[in-house]
Amino acid sequence: MQKLELRRPTVADKETILSMVAEFEDSQSAHDGGFWEKGCFDYEAWLAGNQDMEMGLHLPEGWVPSIQLVGFVEDEALGFLNLRLRLNDYLLHQGGHIGYSVRPSARGKGYAKAMLQQGIELAKTKNLERVLVTCSENNSASRAVIVANGGQLEDVREGTERYWIGQ
């Protein structure tokens, strides 16, 4: 596996991220950790929205401040990771601190594990020593990624497995 870099997206990343978004949409694959309305991804608005989300400005109802990251190998975007800086009731039960997804053509190569590991390290720098990461009961690949990163199962709620990582 080539070295993955997890970082905030920039204007220069537009083409590779648009390609990744198109792959998610074409395959009708879930894109946890990346948020847009299907069929209308406005890159520049997304970048501006990411900055607002990180600063806690103009948050949609029920959302919390978060950091939007993208995993890159060389200059190719391979996945999304969203680090929520606090939990509300929904995130405590279903979504967790970190949501992530890898583009379909890059799955099974260890990128999700590397992305989650780097996301956990970033969380520590934001005073989140213990993070909640969730997955669907029927998502064995995500479960393996979470457990490989130290996830300890707390419980299962309405089909969602809830794992804590950290102290």
C-alpha atoms as a PDB file:
ATOM      1  CA  MET A   1       0.000   0.000   0.000  1.00  0.00           C
ATOM      2  CA  GLN A   2       1.274   3.445  -0.891  1.00  0.00           C
ATOM      3  CA  LYS A   3       1.418   6.055   1.867  1.00  0.00           C
ATOM      4  CA  LEU A   4      -1.902   7.785   2.437  1.00  0.00           C
ATOM      5  CA  GLU A   5      -2.112  11.429   3.479  1.00  0.00           C
ATOM      6  CA  LEU A   6      -5.279  12.569   5.251  1.00  0.00           C
ATOM      7  CA  ARG A   7      -5.749  16.335   4.929  1.00  0.00           C
ATOM      8  CA  ARG A   8      -8.182  19.158   4.344  1.00  0.00           C
ATOM      9  CA  PRO A   9      -9.144  19.468   0.661  1.00  0.00           C
ATOM     10  CA  THR A  10      -8.079  22.529  -1.344  1.00  0.00           C
ATOM     11  CA  VAL A  11      -9.065  24.260  -4.586  1.00  0.00           C
ATOM     12  CA  ALA A  12      -6.194  22.404  -6.305  1.00  0.00           C
ATOM     13  CA  ASP A  13      -7.816  19.046  -5.454  1.00  0.00           C
ATOM     14  CA  LYS A  14     -11.010  19.771  -7.391  1.00  0.00           C
ATOM     15  CA  GLU A  15     -10.552  17.373 -10.334  1.00  0.00           C
ATOM     16  CA  THR A  16      -9.571  14.329  -8.297  1.00  0.00           C
ATOM     17  CA  ILE A  17     -12.311  14.921  -5.713  1.00  0.00           C
ATOM     18  CA  LEU A  18     -14.942  15.396  -8.429  1.00  0.00           C
ATOM     19  CA  SER A  19     -13.771  12.113  -9.945  1.00  0.00           C
ATOM     20  CA  MET A  20     -14.143  10.404  -6.571  1.00  0.00           C
ATOM     21  CA  VAL A  21     -17.608  11.904  -6.009  1.00  0.00           C
ATOM     22  CA  ALA A  22     -18.680  10.673  -9.463  1.00  0.00           C
ATOM     23  CA  GLU A  23     -17.440   7.166  -8.629  1.00  0.00           C
ATOM     24  CA  PHE A  24     -19.430   7.125  -5.382  1.00  0.00           C
ATOM     25  CA  GLU A  25     -22.543   8.315  -7.222  1.00  0.00           C
ATOM     26  CA  ASP A  26     -22.128   5.995 -10.234  1.00  0.00           C
ATOM     27  CA  SER A  27     -21.781   2.974  -7.952  1.00  0.00           C
ATOM     28  CA  GLN A  28     -24.570   4.209  -5.651  1.00  0.00           C
ATOM     29  CA  SER A  29     -22.173   3.589  -2.782  1.00  0.00           C
ATOM     30  CA  ALA A  30     -22.546   5.154   0.642  1.00  0.00           C
ATOM     31  CA  HIS A  31     -20.153   8.056   1.168  1.00  0.00           C
ATOM     32  CA  ASP A  32     -19.964   8.284   4.931  1.00  0.00           C
ATOM     33  CA  GLY A  33     -17.631  11.058   5.941  1.00  0.00           C
ATOM     34  CA  GLY A  34     -18.406  13.042   2.794  1.00  0.00           C
ATOM     35  CA  PHE A  35     -21.587  15.081   2.540  1.00  0.00           C
ATOM     36  CA  TRP A  36     -23.335  16.378  -0.579  1.00  0.00           C
ATOM     37  CA  GLU A  37     -26.682  16.160  -2.282  1.00  0.00           C
ATOM     38  CA  LYS A  38     -26.672  13.518  -4.995  1.00  0.00           C
ATOM     39  CA  GLY A  39     -26.259  14.956  -8.449  1.00  0.00           C
ATOM     40  CA  CYS A  40     -25.445  18.515  -7.374  1.00  0.00           C
ATOM     41  CA  PHE A  41     -21.953  18.677  -5.937  1.00  0.00           C
ATOM     42  CA  ASP A  42     -20.699  22.290  -6.042  1.00  0.00           C
ATOM     43  CA  TYR A  43     -17.017  22.033  -5.183  1.00  0.00           C
ATOM     44  CA  GLU A  44     -16.358  25.634  -4.251  1.00  0.00           C
ATOM     45  CA  ALA A  45     -19.487  25.810  -2.079  1.00  0.00           C
ATOM     46  CA  TRP A  46     -18.450  22.521  -0.458  1.00  0.00           C
ATOM     47  CA  LEU A  47     -15.008  23.924   0.396  1.00  0.00           C
ATOM     48  CA  ALA A  48     -16.556  27.075   1.889  1.00  0.00           C
ATOM     49  CA  GLY A  49     -19.063  24.960   3.810  1.00  0.00           C
ATOM     50  CA  ASN A  50     -16.219  22.822   5.182  1.00  0.00           C
ATOM     51  CA  GLN A  51     -14.562  25.944   6.598  1.00  0.00           C
ATOM     52  CA  ASP A  52     -17.837  27.064   8.172  1.00  0.00           C
ATOM     53  CA  MET A  53     -18.418  23.595   9.670  1.00  0.00           C
ATOM     54  CA  GLU A  54     -14.969  23.582  11.221  1.00  0.00           C
ATOM     55  CA  MET A  55     -15.559  26.996  12.798  1.00  0.00           C
ATOM     56  CA  GLY A  56     -19.097  26.090  13.875  1.00  0.00           C
ATOM     57  CA  LEU A  57     -20.683  28.715  11.600  1.00  0.00           C
ATOM     58  CA  HIS A  58     -23.997  28.339   9.726  1.00  0.00           C
ATOM     59  CA  LEU A  59     -24.473  24.759  10.922  1.00  0.00           C
ATOM     60  CA  PRO A  60     -27.580  22.992   9.647  1.00  0.00           C
ATOM     61  CA  GLU A  61     -30.079  22.002  12.351  1.00  0.00           C
ATOM     62  CA  GLY A  62     -28.763  19.046  14.342  1.00  0.00           C
ATOM     63  CA  TRP A  63     -25.167  19.285  13.042  1.00  0.00           C
ATOM     64  CA  VAL A  64     -22.030  19.855  15.134  1.00  0.00           C
ATOM     65  CA  PRO A  65     -18.687  21.459  14.273  1.00  0.00           C
ATOM     66  CA  SER A  66     -16.556  19.072  12.236  1.00  0.00           C
ATOM     67  CA  ILE A  67     -13.402  18.824  10.172  1.00  0.00           C
ATOM     68  CA  GLN A  68     -13.772  17.538   6.604  1.00  0.00           C
ATOM     69  CA  LEU A  69     -10.770  15.582   5.401  1.00  0.00           C
ATOM     70  CA  VAL A  70      -9.874  13.647   2.268  1.00  0.00           C
ATOM     71  CA  GLY A  71      -7.431  10.761   1.985  1.00  0.00           C
ATOM     72  CA  PHE A  72      -4.904  11.072  -0.842  1.00  0.00           C
ATOM     73  CA  VAL A  73      -2.277   8.789  -2.284  1.00  0.00           C
ATOM     74  CA  GLU A  74       0.051  10.992  -4.283  1.00  0.00           C
ATOM     75  CA  ASP A  75      -2.482  13.320  -5.930  1.00  0.00           C
ATOM     76  CA  GLU A  76      -5.441  10.919  -6.123  1.00  0.00           C
ATOM     77  CA  ALA A  77      -8.387  11.321  -3.750  1.00  0.00           C
ATOM     78  CA  LEU A  78      -9.281   7.925  -2.273  1.00  0.00           C
ATOM     79  CA  GLY A  79     -11.757   8.637   0.489  1.00  0.00           C
ATOM     80  CA  PHE A  80     -13.554  10.967   2.859  1.00  0.00           C
ATOM     81  CA  LEU A  81     -13.248  11.295   6.630  1.00  0.00           C
ATOM     82  CA  ASN A  82     -15.322  13.627   8.769  1.00  0.00           C
ATOM     83  CA  LEU A  83     -14.214  14.291  12.349  1.00  0.00           C
ATOM     84  CA  ARG A  84     -17.048  15.621  14.504  1.00  0.00           C
ATOM     85  CA  LEU A  85     -15.683  17.744  17.311  1.00  0.00           C
ATOM     86  CA  ARG A  86     -18.492  16.872  19.718  1.00  0.00           C
ATOM     87  CA  LEU A  87     -21.447  14.519  19.942  1.00  0.00           C
ATOM     88  CA  ASN A  88     -25.142  15.320  19.965  1.00  0.00           C
ATOM     89  CA  ASP A  89     -27.825  12.718  20.761  1.00  0.00           C
ATOM     90  CA  TYR A  90     -27.940  11.368  17.189  1.00  0.00           C
ATOM     91  CA  LEU A  91     -24.160  11.044  16.895  1.00  0.00           C
ATOM     92  CA  LEU A  92     -23.937   9.420  20.336  1.00  0.00           C
ATOM     93  CA  HIS A  93     -26.368   6.698  19.254  1.00  0.00           C
ATOM     94  CA  GLN A  94     -25.724   6.338  15.515  1.00  0.00           C
ATOM     95  CA  GLY A  95     -22.973   8.396  13.875  1.00  0.00           C
ATOM     96  CA  GLY A  96     -20.050   8.758  16.271  1.00  0.00           C
ATOM     97  CA  HIS A  97     -17.142  11.182  16.142  1.00  0.00           C
ATOM     98  CA  ILE A  98     -15.711   9.862  12.880  1.00  0.00           C
ATOM     99  CA  GLY A  99     -17.387   8.884   9.632  1.00  0.00           C
ATOM    100  CA  TYR A 100     -15.320   7.630   6.709  1.00  0.00           C
ATOM    101  CA  SER A 101     -15.571   5.946   3.327  1.00  0.00           C
ATOM    102  CA  VAL A 102     -13.171   4.829   0.611  1.00  0.00           C
ATOM    103  CA  ARG A 103     -14.017   5.136  -3.080  1.00  0.00           C
ATOM    104  CA  PRO A 104     -15.143   1.760  -4.450  1.00  0.00           C
ATOM    105  CA  SER A 105     -12.131   1.232  -6.738  1.00  0.00           C
ATOM    106  CA  ALA A 106      -9.684   1.654  -3.818  1.00  0.00           C
ATOM    107  CA  ARG A 107     -11.347  -0.620  -1.251  1.00  0.00           C
ATOM    108  CA  GLY A 108      -9.669  -3.633   0.296  1.00  0.00           C
ATOM    109  CA  LYS A 109      -6.185  -2.092   0.175  1.00  0.00           C
ATOM    110  CA  GLY A 110      -5.828  -0.831   3.753  1.00  0.00           C
ATOM    111  CA  TYR A 111      -6.697   2.803   3.044  1.00  0.00           C
ATOM    112  CA  ALA A 112      -9.676   2.925   5.423  1.00  0.00           C
ATOM    113  CA  LYS A 113      -7.493   1.626   8.249  1.00  0.00           C
ATOM    114  CA  ALA A 114      -4.857   4.300   7.542  1.00  0.00           C
ATOM    115  CA  MET A 115      -7.490   7.038   7.251  1.00  0.00           C
ATOM    116  CA  LEU A 116      -9.129   6.091  10.545  1.00  0.00           C
ATOM    117  CA  GLN A 117      -5.754   5.877  12.279  1.00  0.00           C
ATOM    118  CA  GLN A 118      -4.852   9.393  11.129  1.00  0.00           C
ATOM    119  CA  GLY A 119      -8.328  10.653  12.039  1.00  0.00           C
ATOM    120  CA  ILE A 120      -7.888   9.314  15.569  1.00  0.00           C
ATOM    121  CA  GLU A 121      -4.517  11.067  15.852  1.00  0.00           C
ATOM    122  CA  LEU A 122      -6.102  14.353  14.740  1.00  0.00           C
ATOM    123  CA  ALA A 123      -8.927  13.852  17.264  1.00  0.00           C
ATOM    124  CA  LYS A 124      -6.341  13.678  20.045  1.00  0.00           C
ATOM    125  CA  THR A 125      -5.010  17.092  19.013  1.00  0.00           C
ATOM    126  CA  LYS A 126      -8.571  18.420  19.403  1.00  0.00           C
ATOM    127  CA  ASN A 127      -8.801  17.143  23.010  1.00  0.00           C
ATOM    128  CA  LEU A 128     -10.801  14.065  22.023  1.00  0.00           C
ATOM    129  CA  GLU A 129      -8.865  11.355  23.835  1.00  0.00           C
ATOM    130  CA  ARG A 130     -11.728   8.889  23.383  1.00  0.00           C
ATOM    131  CA  VAL A 131     -13.687   8.716  20.129  1.00  0.00           C
ATOM    132  CA  LEU A 132     -16.834   6.872  19.153  1.00  0.00           C
ATOM    133  CA  VAL A 133     -16.844   5.154  15.761  1.00  0.00           C
ATOM    134  CA  THR A 134     -19.872   3.264  14.490  1.00  0.00           C
ATOM    135  CA  CYS A 135     -20.745   0.872  11.695  1.00  0.00           C
ATOM    136  CA  SER A 136     -23.708  -1.124  10.518  1.00  0.00           C
ATOM    137  CA  GLU A 137     -24.017  -4.658  11.890  1.00  0.00           C
ATOM    138  CA  ASN A 138     -23.708  -5.988   8.343  1.00  0.00           C
ATOM    139  CA  ASN A 139     -20.555  -4.011   7.436  1.00  0.00           C
ATOM    140  CA  SER A 140     -17.809  -6.492   8.269  1.00  0.00           C
ATOM    141  CA  ALA A 141     -15.148  -4.466   6.418  1.00  0.00           C
ATOM    142  CA  SER A 142     -15.782  -1.361   8.526  1.00  0.00           C
ATOM    143  CA  ARG A 143     -15.914  -3.449  11.697  1.00  0.00           C
ATOM    144  CA  ALA A 144     -12.469  -4.879  10.868  1.00  0.00           C
ATOM    145  CA  VAL A 145     -11.067  -1.366  10.296  1.00  0.00           C
ATOM    146  CA  ILE A 146     -12.455  -0.123  13.611  1.00  0.00           C
ATOM    147  CA  VAL A 147     -11.205  -3.132  15.584  1.00  0.00           C
ATOM    148  CA  ALA A 148      -7.761  -2.883  13.898  1.00  0.00           C
ATOM    149  CA  ASN A 149      -7.587   0.681  15.228  1.00  0.00           C
ATOM    150  CA  GLY A 150      -8.326  -0.397  18.797  1.00  0.00           C
ATOM    151  CA  GLY A 151     -12.111  -0.163  18.781  1.00  0.00           C
ATOM    152  CA  GLN A 152     -13.836  -1.714  21.788  1.00  0.00           C
ATOM    153  CA  LEU A 153     -17.476  -2.665  21.223  1.00  0.00           C
ATOM    154  CA  GLU A 154     -19.789  -0.975  23.713  1.00  0.00           C
ATOM    155  CA  ASP A 155     -23.111  -2.141  22.304  1.00  0.00           C
ATOM    156  CA  VAL A 156     -25.393  -2.415  19.275  1.00  0.00           C
ATOM    157  CA  ARG A 157     -28.282   0.031  18.885  1.00  0.00           C
ATOM    158  CA  GLU A 158     -30.890  -0.432  16.164  1.00  0.00           C
ATOM    159  CA  GLY A 159     -28.434  -2.239  13.897  1.00  0.00           C
ATOM    160  CA  THR A 160     -25.509   0.123  14.607  1.00  0.00           C
ATOM    161  CA  GLU A 161     -22.410  -1.218  16.338  1.00  0.00           C
ATOM    162  CA  ARG A 162     -20.804   1.385  18.629  1.00  0.00           C
ATOM    163  CA  TYR A 163     -17.048   1.219  19.292  1.00  0.00           C
ATOM    164  CA  TRP A 164     -14.925   3.420  21.539  1.00  0.00           C
ATOM    165  CA  ILE A 165     -11.272   4.038  20.700  1.00  0.00           C
ATOM    166  CA  GLY A 166      -8.903   5.587  23.214  1.00  0.00           C
ATOM    167  CA  GLN A 167      -8.786   5.944  26.947  1.00  0.00           C
END
